[in-house]
Amino acid sequence: MATAPYNYSYIFKYIIIGDMGVGKSCLLHQFTEKKFMADCPHTIGVEFGTRIIEVSGQKIKLQIWDTAGQERFRAVTRSYYRGAAGALMVYDITRRSTYNHLSSWLTDARNLTNPNTVIILIGNKADLEAQRDVTYEEAKQFAEENGT
């Protein structure tokens, strides 16, 4: 039985990292299913989603790996960093503790991916602006200082 040709030209792996409850799974679901989920169950280990996008006429398949944020899963989820073209490092703008842990997540991303991996900082839950605990300016400064 012959296999059909792939319907994309490139494939890129992305990982979503950050503390538990920052909205990593909701971001994945929103991007892959185009649906908002107000409450996502906590990820155990790793979840996976894909989406094909078009850039400059080329179809690109994105593999997105949603890692569990709980410390007890960290050893398991670290193995998924390998081969990632990008890391989406997420914190909750309403919970300073999730912002304070970014340095640890950044260290893992830098140590466990290749030097060309793009790391993107995401301040999630912007719809809760009235409850914001981390200012845009300080997150911007963190991003600039750390090359994200």
N, C-alpha and C. Protein backbone atom coordinates (compact mmCIF):
# COMPACT_ATOMS: atom_id res chain seq x y z
N MET A 1 0.85 -1.18 0.00
CA MET A 1 0.00 0.00 0.00
C MET A 1 0.89 1.24 0.00
N ALA A 2 0.75 2.07 -0.98
CA ALA A 2 1.56 3.29 -1.08
C ALA A 2 1.01 4.36 -0.13
N THR A 3 1.93 5.11 0.42
CA THR A 3 1.50 6.19 1.31
C THR A 3 1.38 7.48 0.52
N ALA A 4 0.41 8.28 0.86
CA ALA A 4 0.20 9.56 0.19
C ALA A 4 1.31 10.53 0.58
N PRO A 5 1.66 11.45 -0.31
CA PRO A 5 2.68 12.43 0.05
C PRO A 5 2.18 13.34 1.17
N TYR A 6 3.11 13.86 1.93
CA TYR A 6 2.75 14.78 3.00
C TYR A 6 2.10 16.02 2.41
N ASN A 7 1.17 16.62 3.13
CA ASN A 7 0.52 17.83 2.63
C ASN A 7 1.14 19.08 3.26
N TYR A 8 2.42 18.99 3.61
CA TYR A 8 3.16 20.13 4.14
C TYR A 8 4.61 20.02 3.72
N SER A 9 5.29 21.15 3.70
CA SER A 9 6.68 21.20 3.26
C SER A 9 7.67 21.09 4.41
N TYR A 10 7.27 21.60 5.57
CA TYR A 10 8.16 21.61 6.73
C TYR A 10 7.38 21.17 7.97
N ILE A 11 8.12 20.71 8.96
CA ILE A 11 7.52 20.38 10.25
C ILE A 11 8.39 20.99 11.34
N PHE A 12 7.76 21.67 12.27
CA PHE A 12 8.48 22.29 13.39
C PHE A 12 7.86 21.85 14.70
N LYS A 13 8.72 21.56 15.65
CA LYS A 13 8.28 21.15 16.98
C LYS A 13 8.38 22.35 17.92
N TYR A 14 7.31 22.59 18.67
CA TYR A 14 7.29 23.63 19.69
C TYR A 14 6.90 23.00 21.01
N ILE A 15 7.44 23.53 22.10
CA ILE A 15 7.04 23.09 23.42
C ILE A 15 6.43 24.27 24.17
N ILE A 16 5.48 23.97 25.02
CA ILE A 16 4.87 25.00 25.87
C ILE A 16 5.29 24.67 27.30
N ILE A 17 5.97 25.62 27.95
CA ILE A 17 6.49 25.39 29.29
C ILE A 17 6.03 26.50 30.24
N GLY A 18 6.01 26.18 31.51
CA GLY A 18 5.61 27.15 32.53
C GLY A 18 4.95 26.44 33.69
N ASP A 19 4.70 27.19 34.74
CA ASP A 19 4.09 26.63 35.95
C ASP A 19 2.71 26.05 35.69
N MET A 20 2.26 25.23 36.60
CA MET A 20 0.91 24.66 36.56
C MET A 20 -0.12 25.78 36.67
N GLY A 21 -1.15 25.70 35.86
CA GLY A 21 -2.27 26.63 35.96
C GLY A 21 -2.10 27.96 35.25
N VAL A 22 -1.04 28.10 34.44
CA VAL A 22 -0.85 29.37 33.73
C VAL A 22 -1.65 29.45 32.43
N GLY A 23 -2.22 28.32 32.01
CA GLY A 23 -3.04 28.30 30.80
C GLY A 23 -2.38 27.69 29.58
N LYS A 24 -1.37 26.86 29.79
CA LYS A 24 -0.66 26.24 28.66
C LYS A 24 -1.60 25.38 27.81
N SER A 25 -2.38 24.53 28.46
CA SER A 25 -3.30 23.65 27.74
C SER A 25 -4.38 24.45 27.01
N CYS A 26 -4.84 25.51 27.62
CA CYS A 26 -5.85 26.36 26.98
C CYS A 26 -5.28 27.04 25.75
N LEU A 27 -4.02 27.46 25.81
CA LEU A 27 -3.37 28.05 24.64
C LEU A 27 -3.27 27.03 23.51
N LEU A 28 -2.86 25.81 23.85
CA LEU A 28 -2.76 24.75 22.85
C LEU A 28 -4.12 24.49 22.22
N HIS A 29 -5.14 24.36 23.03
CA HIS A 29 -6.49 24.07 22.53
C HIS A 29 -6.99 25.23 21.65
N GLN A 30 -6.76 26.44 22.08
CA GLN A 30 -7.18 27.61 21.30
C GLN A 30 -6.50 27.62 19.94
N PHE A 31 -5.21 27.31 19.91
CA PHE A 31 -4.46 27.36 18.66
C PHE A 31 -4.82 26.21 17.72
N THR A 32 -4.98 25.00 18.26
CA THR A 32 -5.23 23.85 17.41
C THR A 32 -6.70 23.67 17.05
N GLU A 33 -7.60 23.97 17.98
CA GLU A 33 -9.03 23.75 17.76
C GLU A 33 -9.80 25.03 17.48
N LYS A 34 -9.15 26.18 17.69
CA LYS A 34 -9.77 27.49 17.53
C LYS A 34 -11.01 27.64 18.42
N LYS A 35 -10.89 27.10 19.62
CA LYS A 35 -11.97 27.18 20.60
C LYS A 35 -11.38 27.57 21.95
N PHE A 36 -12.09 28.46 22.65
CA PHE A 36 -11.65 28.86 23.98
C PHE A 36 -12.22 27.91 25.01
N MET A 37 -11.38 27.44 25.91
CA MET A 37 -11.81 26.61 27.02
C MET A 37 -11.51 27.38 28.30
N ALA A 38 -12.54 27.73 29.02
CA ALA A 38 -12.35 28.50 30.26
C ALA A 38 -11.61 27.67 31.31
N ASP A 39 -11.90 26.40 31.37
CA ASP A 39 -11.25 25.51 32.33
C ASP A 39 -10.69 24.30 31.61
N CYS A 40 -9.38 24.16 31.67
CA CYS A 40 -8.73 22.98 31.11
C CYS A 40 -8.24 22.13 32.27
N PRO A 41 -8.38 20.83 32.18
CA PRO A 41 -7.83 19.99 33.25
C PRO A 41 -6.31 20.08 33.25
N HIS A 42 -5.70 19.87 34.41
CA HIS A 42 -4.24 19.91 34.49
C HIS A 42 -3.65 18.78 33.67
N THR A 43 -2.59 19.10 32.96
CA THR A 43 -1.91 18.11 32.12
C THR A 43 -1.10 17.17 33.00
N ILE A 44 -1.20 15.89 32.69
CA ILE A 44 -0.38 14.89 33.37
C ILE A 44 0.64 14.42 32.35
N GLY A 45 1.91 14.72 32.61
CA GLY A 45 2.96 14.37 31.66
C GLY A 45 2.99 15.36 30.52
N VAL A 46 2.56 14.91 29.33
CA VAL A 46 2.63 15.75 28.14
C VAL A 46 1.39 15.52 27.27
N GLU A 47 0.87 16.58 26.70
CA GLU A 47 -0.20 16.50 25.70
C GLU A 47 0.38 16.99 24.37
N PHE A 48 -0.31 16.71 23.29
CA PHE A 48 0.23 16.97 21.97
C PHE A 48 -0.87 17.48 21.05
N GLY A 49 -0.54 18.46 20.22
CA GLY A 49 -1.48 18.95 19.22
C GLY A 49 -0.73 19.36 17.97
N THR A 50 -1.44 19.42 16.85
CA THR A 50 -0.81 19.84 15.60
C THR A 50 -1.73 20.81 14.87
N ARG A 51 -1.10 21.58 14.02
CA ARG A 51 -1.85 22.47 13.13
C ARG A 51 -0.97 22.78 11.93
N ILE A 52 -1.57 22.82 10.76
CA ILE A 52 -0.84 23.18 9.56
C ILE A 52 -1.17 24.63 9.23
N ILE A 53 -0.12 25.42 9.07
CA ILE A 53 -0.28 26.83 8.72
C ILE A 53 0.39 27.07 7.37
N GLU A 54 0.10 28.19 6.76
CA GLU A 54 0.74 28.54 5.50
C GLU A 54 1.52 29.83 5.67
N VAL A 55 2.78 29.80 5.27
CA VAL A 55 3.66 30.96 5.35
C VAL A 55 4.36 31.10 4.00
N SER A 56 4.18 32.23 3.36
CA SER A 56 4.80 32.50 2.05
C SER A 56 4.54 31.38 1.05
N GLY A 57 3.32 30.87 1.05
CA GLY A 57 2.95 29.83 0.10
C GLY A 57 3.39 28.43 0.47
N GLN A 58 4.09 28.27 1.58
CA GLN A 58 4.56 26.96 2.03
C GLN A 58 3.70 26.47 3.19
N LYS A 59 3.29 25.21 3.13
CA LYS A 59 2.54 24.63 4.24
C LYS A 59 3.53 24.09 5.28
N ILE A 60 3.27 24.47 6.52
CA ILE A 60 4.15 24.10 7.62
C ILE A 60 3.32 23.42 8.70
N LYS A 61 3.75 22.24 9.09
CA LYS A 61 3.07 21.52 10.16
C LYS A 61 3.75 21.87 11.48
N LEU A 62 2.96 22.35 12.43
CA LEU A 62 3.47 22.66 13.76
C LEU A 62 3.05 21.55 14.71
N GLN A 63 4.02 20.95 15.37
CA GLN A 63 3.77 19.99 16.44
C GLN A 63 3.94 20.77 17.74
N ILE A 64 2.92 20.79 18.57
CA ILE A 64 3.00 21.55 19.80
C ILE A 64 2.84 20.60 20.98
N TRP A 65 3.87 20.58 21.82
CA TRP A 65 3.90 19.70 22.98
C TRP A 65 3.64 20.53 24.22
N ASP A 66 2.54 20.22 24.89
CA ASP A 66 2.10 20.91 26.11
C ASP A 66 2.63 20.10 27.30
N THR A 67 3.57 20.68 28.03
CA THR A 67 4.18 19.96 29.15
C THR A 67 3.49 20.28 30.46
N ALA A 68 3.47 19.31 31.35
CA ALA A 68 2.90 19.52 32.68
C ALA A 68 3.77 20.49 33.45
N GLY A 69 3.13 21.37 34.22
CA GLY A 69 3.88 22.37 34.97
C GLY A 69 4.25 21.94 36.39
N GLN A 70 3.68 20.84 36.86
CA GLN A 70 3.98 20.40 38.22
C GLN A 70 5.42 19.91 38.32
N GLU A 71 6.04 20.24 39.41
CA GLU A 71 7.44 19.85 39.66
C GLU A 71 7.64 18.35 39.53
N ARG A 72 6.67 17.57 39.99
CA ARG A 72 6.84 16.10 39.99
C ARG A 72 6.94 15.52 38.58
N PHE A 73 6.50 16.27 37.55
CA PHE A 73 6.59 15.79 36.17
C PHE A 73 7.79 16.37 35.44
N ARG A 74 8.55 17.22 36.07
CA ARG A 74 9.64 17.93 35.39
C ARG A 74 10.66 16.99 34.75
N ALA A 75 11.02 15.92 35.45
CA ALA A 75 12.00 14.98 34.90
C ALA A 75 11.48 14.32 33.62
N VAL A 76 10.20 14.02 33.58
CA VAL A 76 9.59 13.41 32.39
C VAL A 76 9.50 14.42 31.26
N THR A 77 9.02 15.61 31.55
CA THR A 77 8.78 16.58 30.49
C THR A 77 10.07 17.13 29.88
N ARG A 78 11.16 17.10 30.63
CA ARG A 78 12.44 17.62 30.09
C ARG A 78 12.88 16.88 28.84
N SER A 79 12.53 15.61 28.73
CA SER A 79 12.94 14.83 27.55
C SER A 79 12.27 15.35 26.27
N TYR A 80 11.17 16.09 26.39
CA TYR A 80 10.46 16.60 25.23
C TYR A 80 11.06 17.88 24.66
N TYR A 81 12.01 18.48 25.37
CA TYR A 81 12.64 19.71 24.90
C TYR A 81 13.51 19.46 23.67
N ARG A 82 14.08 18.27 23.57
CA ARG A 82 15.03 17.95 22.50
C ARG A 82 14.37 18.11 21.13
N GLY A 83 15.04 18.82 20.25
CA GLY A 83 14.57 18.99 18.88
C GLY A 83 13.55 20.09 18.68
N ALA A 84 13.27 20.84 19.73
CA ALA A 84 12.27 21.91 19.62
C ALA A 84 12.83 23.10 18.85
N ALA A 85 12.07 23.57 17.87
CA ALA A 85 12.44 24.78 17.13
C ALA A 85 12.11 26.01 17.95
N GLY A 86 11.11 25.86 18.85
CA GLY A 86 10.70 26.98 19.66
C GLY A 86 10.11 26.52 20.98
N ALA A 87 10.19 27.41 21.96
CA ALA A 87 9.60 27.16 23.27
C ALA A 87 8.72 28.35 23.62
N LEU A 88 7.47 28.08 23.96
CA LEU A 88 6.55 29.10 24.42
C LEU A 88 6.57 29.05 25.94
N MET A 89 7.21 30.04 26.56
CA MET A 89 7.38 30.08 28.01
C MET A 89 6.27 30.97 28.57
N VAL A 90 5.35 30.36 29.33
CA VAL A 90 4.11 31.03 29.72
C VAL A 90 4.09 31.30 31.22
N TYR A 91 3.61 32.49 31.57
CA TYR A 91 3.33 32.82 32.97
C TYR A 91 1.94 33.45 33.03
N ASP A 92 1.37 33.48 34.21
CA ASP A 92 0.04 34.04 34.45
C ASP A 92 0.22 35.47 34.96
N ILE A 93 -0.30 36.45 34.25
CA ILE A 93 -0.09 37.86 34.64
C ILE A 93 -0.73 38.19 35.98
N THR A 94 -1.62 37.32 36.47
CA THR A 94 -2.29 37.57 37.75
C THR A 94 -1.63 36.84 38.92
N ARG A 95 -0.57 36.07 38.64
CA ARG A 95 0.11 35.32 39.71
C ARG A 95 1.61 35.54 39.63
N ARG A 96 2.11 36.41 40.48
CA ARG A 96 3.52 36.77 40.47
C ARG A 96 4.43 35.56 40.61
N SER A 97 4.02 34.57 41.38
CA SER A 97 4.87 33.39 41.58
C SER A 97 5.21 32.72 40.26
N THR A 98 4.27 32.71 39.30
CA THR A 98 4.54 32.08 38.01
C THR A 98 5.57 32.90 37.21
N TYR A 99 5.55 34.19 37.40
CA TYR A 99 6.54 35.07 36.77
C TYR A 99 7.91 34.87 37.43
N ASN A 100 7.92 34.74 38.75
CA ASN A 100 9.17 34.56 39.48
C ASN A 100 9.88 33.26 39.11
N HIS A 101 9.16 32.28 38.61
CA HIS A 101 9.75 30.99 38.24
C HIS A 101 10.27 30.96 36.80
N LEU A 102 10.11 32.06 36.06
CA LEU A 102 10.52 32.08 34.66
C LEU A 102 12.01 31.79 34.47
N SER A 103 12.85 32.27 35.37
CA SER A 103 14.29 32.03 35.22
C SER A 103 14.61 30.53 35.22
N SER A 104 13.91 29.78 36.05
CA SER A 104 14.10 28.33 36.10
C SER A 104 13.67 27.67 34.79
N TRP A 105 12.52 28.09 34.28
CA TRP A 105 12.03 27.55 33.00
C TRP A 105 12.97 27.92 31.86
N LEU A 106 13.49 29.14 31.89
CA LEU A 106 14.41 29.60 30.86
C LEU A 106 15.71 28.80 30.90
N THR A 107 16.20 28.53 32.10
CA THR A 107 17.42 27.73 32.24
C THR A 107 17.22 26.35 31.63
N ASP A 108 16.10 25.71 31.94
CA ASP A 108 15.80 24.40 31.34
C ASP A 108 15.76 24.50 29.82
N ALA A 109 15.05 25.49 29.31
CA ALA A 109 14.92 25.63 27.86
C ALA A 109 16.28 25.82 27.21
N ARG A 110 17.11 26.65 27.80
CA ARG A 110 18.43 26.91 27.20
C ARG A 110 19.34 25.69 27.32
N ASN A 111 19.24 24.95 28.41
CA ASN A 111 20.12 23.79 28.61
C ASN A 111 19.67 22.55 27.84
N LEU A 112 18.39 22.43 27.55
CA LEU A 112 17.85 21.20 26.99
C LEU A 112 17.46 21.30 25.52
N THR A 113 17.58 22.49 24.93
CA THR A 113 17.31 22.65 23.50
C THR A 113 18.59 23.08 22.82
N ASN A 114 18.55 23.19 21.51
CA ASN A 114 19.76 23.64 20.81
C ASN A 114 19.86 25.16 20.87
N PRO A 115 21.03 25.70 20.60
CA PRO A 115 21.24 27.15 20.73
C PRO A 115 20.37 28.00 19.80
N ASN A 116 19.84 27.42 18.73
CA ASN A 116 19.01 28.17 17.78
C ASN A 116 17.53 28.16 18.12
N THR A 117 17.15 27.48 19.19
CA THR A 117 15.74 27.42 19.58
C THR A 117 15.25 28.81 19.97
N VAL A 118 14.13 29.21 19.40
CA VAL A 118 13.53 30.51 19.70
C VAL A 118 12.66 30.36 20.94
N ILE A 119 12.88 31.22 21.92
CA ILE A 119 12.10 31.17 23.16
C ILE A 119 11.22 32.42 23.21
N ILE A 120 9.92 32.19 23.31
CA ILE A 120 8.94 33.27 23.30
C ILE A 120 8.31 33.37 24.68
N LEU A 121 8.29 34.56 25.23
CA LEU A 121 7.67 34.80 26.54
C LEU A 121 6.21 35.20 26.33
N ILE A 122 5.31 34.52 27.04
CA ILE A 122 3.88 34.81 26.92
C ILE A 122 3.30 35.11 28.30
N GLY A 123 2.77 36.31 28.44
CA GLY A 123 2.01 36.68 29.63
C GLY A 123 0.56 36.34 29.35
N ASN A 124 0.07 35.28 29.97
CA ASN A 124 -1.27 34.77 29.66
C ASN A 124 -2.32 35.32 30.62
N LYS A 125 -3.56 35.18 30.23
CA LYS A 125 -4.74 35.61 30.99
C LYS A 125 -4.91 37.13 30.97
N ALA A 126 -4.61 37.72 29.83
CA ALA A 126 -4.73 39.16 29.67
C ALA A 126 -6.17 39.64 29.82
N ASP A 127 -7.13 38.73 29.72
CA ASP A 127 -8.53 39.10 29.94
C ASP A 127 -8.81 39.42 31.41
N LEU A 128 -7.85 39.12 32.28
CA LEU A 128 -7.99 39.40 33.71
C LEU A 128 -7.15 40.61 34.11
N GLU A 129 -7.09 41.59 33.23
CA GLU A 129 -6.26 42.79 33.43
C GLU A 129 -6.50 43.45 34.79
N ALA A 130 -7.71 43.47 35.27
CA ALA A 130 -8.02 44.10 36.55
C ALA A 130 -7.32 43.40 37.72
N GLN A 131 -6.95 42.15 37.52
CA GLN A 131 -6.27 41.38 38.57
C GLN A 131 -4.77 41.25 38.33
N ARG A 132 -4.26 42.00 37.36
CA ARG A 132 -2.84 41.91 36.97
C ARG A 132 -1.93 42.10 38.18
N ASP A 133 -0.94 41.21 38.28
CA ASP A 133 0.04 41.27 39.37
C ASP A 133 1.46 41.48 38.84
N VAL A 134 1.63 41.32 37.54
CA VAL A 134 2.93 41.52 36.90
C VAL A 134 2.73 42.57 35.81
N THR A 135 3.46 43.67 35.88
CA THR A 135 3.27 44.73 34.89
C THR A 135 3.87 44.33 33.54
N TYR A 136 3.30 44.90 32.51
CA TYR A 136 3.82 44.68 31.16
C TYR A 136 5.27 45.12 31.07
N GLU A 137 5.58 46.25 31.69
CA GLU A 137 6.93 46.82 31.62
C GLU A 137 7.98 45.88 32.22
N GLU A 138 7.66 45.27 33.38
CA GLU A 138 8.67 44.39 33.97
C GLU A 138 8.83 43.09 33.17
N ALA A 139 7.75 42.60 32.58
CA ALA A 139 7.85 41.41 31.73
C ALA A 139 8.64 41.74 30.46
N LYS A 140 8.40 42.93 29.92
CA LYS A 140 9.15 43.36 28.72
C LYS A 140 10.64 43.46 29.05
N GLN A 141 10.97 44.00 30.22
CA GLN A 141 12.36 44.10 30.62
C GLN A 141 12.99 42.72 30.78
N PHE A 142 12.27 41.78 31.39
CA PHE A 142 12.76 40.41 31.53
C PHE A 142 13.05 39.82 30.15
N ALA A 143 12.10 40.00 29.22
CA ALA A 143 12.26 39.47 27.87
C ALA A 143 13.49 40.07 27.18
N GLU A 144 13.65 41.38 27.29
CA GLU A 144 14.80 42.04 26.66
C GLU A 144 16.12 41.59 27.27
N GLU A 145 16.17 41.50 28.59
CA GLU A 145 17.40 41.10 29.28
C GLU A 145 17.79 39.66 28.97
N ASN A 146 16.79 38.83 28.65
CA ASN A 146 17.06 37.40 28.44
C ASN A 146 16.96 36.97 26.98
N GLY A 147 16.77 37.92 26.09
CA GLY A 147 16.76 37.60 24.66
C GLY A 147 15.58 36.74 24.23
N THR A 148 14.43 36.96 24.88
CA THR A 148 13.24 36.19 24.48
C THR A 148 12.28 37.11 23.76
